[in-house]
Amino acid sequence: MENTEKSSSSKIISGLVTLVIVAVGVWYYWGGGLEKNLAADEIKQYEMCMRNNDFVGASVQAGLISMLYQEAGDEEGYRKWKAIEDDLDKKEEDKSNKEFEKEMDKIDKEFEKEMDKIDDEGDVE
């Protein structure tokens, strides 16, 4: 009988340990723990992009990070990384606009040179 009580106690303890492990796993997965760990990995990739002045890549990483925080239900983390993403997008847009303006100025100058050549050729005749 004593042996039966020990095996019943062992089964109960084993069942409780299993239940605790399952509960922790469920909490971790659905409670946002997984997303936060993934976000930590994405933050490392974001930092690498920033060190290498890859603002487009950094913006993509910031977007992924904000999405992971959103999935985890972490509104503060979501807002922080969404603002970083938006800021990087604006910087990239400003950079593109400046490059476009520079290219347009170059084209305007070339056009003016060509027009001057045409005017000069017309004056000779």
Protein backbone atom coordinates (compact mmCIF):
# COMPACT_ATOMS: atom_id res chain seq x y z
CA MET A 1 0.00 0.00 0.00
CA GLU A 2 2.86 2.36 0.81
CA ASN A 3 4.26 1.70 -2.68
CA THR A 4 0.92 2.61 -4.26
CA GLU A 5 0.79 5.90 -2.33
CA LYS A 6 4.32 6.79 -3.52
CA SER A 7 3.43 6.05 -7.14
CA SER A 8 0.20 8.08 -6.83
CA SER A 9 2.15 10.97 -5.30
CA SER A 10 4.76 10.71 -8.08
CA LYS A 11 2.04 10.77 -10.72
CA ILE A 12 0.42 13.82 -9.15
CA ILE A 13 3.75 15.67 -8.88
CA SER A 14 4.67 14.67 -12.43
CA GLY A 15 1.29 15.88 -13.66
CA LEU A 16 1.64 19.20 -11.85
CA VAL A 17 5.16 19.74 -13.23
CA THR A 18 3.89 19.00 -16.73
CA LEU A 19 0.97 21.37 -16.25
CA VAL A 20 3.31 24.15 -15.06
CA ILE A 21 5.63 23.60 -18.05
CA VAL A 22 2.70 23.70 -20.48
CA ALA A 23 1.26 26.81 -18.78
CA VAL A 24 4.61 28.61 -19.02
CA GLY A 25 4.92 27.61 -22.67
CA VAL A 26 1.42 28.85 -23.47
CA TRP A 27 2.03 32.12 -21.63
CA TYR A 28 5.36 32.59 -23.41
CA TYR A 29 3.92 31.95 -26.85
CA TRP A 30 0.61 33.78 -26.53
CA GLY A 31 1.74 36.27 -23.92
CA GLY A 32 4.20 37.99 -26.22
CA GLY A 33 7.44 36.42 -25.03
CA LEU A 34 8.19 34.95 -28.45
CA GLU A 35 7.55 38.21 -30.25
CA LYS A 36 9.75 40.13 -27.82
CA ASN A 37 12.62 37.69 -28.37
CA LEU A 38 12.18 38.00 -32.11
CA ALA A 39 12.11 41.78 -31.73
CA ALA A 40 15.44 41.62 -29.87
CA ASP A 41 16.95 39.75 -32.85
CA GLU A 42 15.52 42.30 -35.29
CA ILE A 43 16.92 45.16 -33.17
CA LYS A 44 20.41 43.70 -33.67
CA GLN A 45 19.83 43.70 -37.43
CA TYR A 46 18.49 47.27 -37.26
CA GLU A 47 21.63 48.36 -35.41
CA MET A 48 23.81 46.70 -38.06
CA CYS A 49 21.95 48.58 -40.81
CA MET A 50 22.41 51.88 -38.96
CA ARG A 51 26.14 51.25 -38.46
CA ASN A 52 26.42 50.78 -42.23
CA ASN A 53 24.26 53.81 -43.12
CA ASP A 54 21.64 51.56 -44.73
CA PHE A 55 18.60 53.67 -43.91
CA VAL A 56 16.26 51.68 -46.15
CA GLY A 57 17.27 48.40 -44.46
CA ALA A 58 17.02 50.04 -41.03
CA SER A 59 13.52 51.28 -41.88
CA VAL A 60 12.45 47.78 -42.91
CA GLN A 61 13.85 46.36 -39.66
CA ALA A 62 12.11 49.07 -37.61
CA GLY A 63 8.84 48.15 -39.34
CA LEU A 64 9.32 44.48 -38.46
CA ILE A 65 10.16 45.38 -34.87
CA SER A 66 7.06 47.58 -34.52
CA MET A 67 4.94 44.74 -35.93
CA LEU A 68 6.41 42.26 -33.43
CA TYR A 69 5.71 44.60 -30.52
CA GLN A 70 2.16 45.07 -31.84
CA GLU A 71 1.70 41.29 -31.94
CA ALA A 72 3.04 41.07 -28.37
CA GLY A 73 0.53 43.70 -27.25
CA ASP A 74 3.32 46.10 -26.22
CA GLU A 75 1.87 49.44 -27.27
CA GLU A 76 4.79 51.49 -25.97
CA GLY A 77 7.31 49.40 -27.94
CA TYR A 78 5.07 49.53 -31.01
CA ARG A 79 4.79 53.34 -30.90
CA LYS A 80 8.53 53.78 -30.35
CA TRP A 81 9.55 51.62 -33.31
CA LYS A 82 6.78 52.91 -35.57
CA ALA A 83 8.07 56.46 -34.95
CA ILE A 84 11.63 55.30 -35.76
CA GLU A 85 10.38 53.68 -38.98
CA ASP A 86 8.49 56.84 -39.99
CA ASP A 87 11.54 59.01 -39.23
CA LEU A 88 13.81 56.81 -41.34
CA ASP A 89 11.29 56.83 -44.19
CA LYS A 90 11.22 60.63 -44.09
CA LYS A 91 15.03 60.83 -44.08
CA GLU A 92 15.22 58.48 -47.06
CA GLU A 93 12.55 60.48 -48.89
CA ASP A 94 14.41 63.74 -48.18
CA LYS A 95 17.64 62.15 -49.41
CA SER A 96 15.92 60.95 -52.59
CA ASN A 97 14.39 64.39 -53.16
CA LYS A 98 17.79 66.07 -52.77
CA GLU A 99 19.36 63.60 -55.19
CA PHE A 100 16.51 64.21 -57.64
CA GLU A 101 16.91 67.99 -57.36
CA LYS A 102 20.64 67.65 -57.89
CA GLU A 103 20.07 65.54 -61.01
CA MET A 104 17.49 68.01 -62.33
CA ASP A 105 19.92 70.91 -61.82
CA LYS A 106 22.54 68.97 -63.77
CA ILE A 107 20.06 68.35 -66.61
CA ASP A 108 19.04 72.04 -66.62
CA LYS A 109 22.68 73.12 -66.91
CA GLU A 110 23.30 70.68 -69.75
CA PHE A 111 20.14 71.91 -71.48
CA GLU A 112 21.25 75.52 -71.12
CA LYS A 113 24.67 74.65 -72.62
CA GLU A 114 22.98 72.97 -75.57
CA MET A 115 20.68 75.95 -76.05
CA ASP A 116 23.68 78.31 -75.93
CA LYS A 117 25.40 76.20 -78.60
CA ILE A 118 22.32 76.43 -80.79
CA ASP A 119 22.15 80.20 -80.24
CA ASP A 120 25.87 80.54 -81.02
CA GLU A 121 25.50 78.54 -84.21
CA GLY A 122 22.58 80.71 -85.26
CA ASP A 123 24.63 83.89 -84.70
CA VAL A 124 27.41 82.71 -87.04
CA GLU A 125 25.17 82.53 -90.12
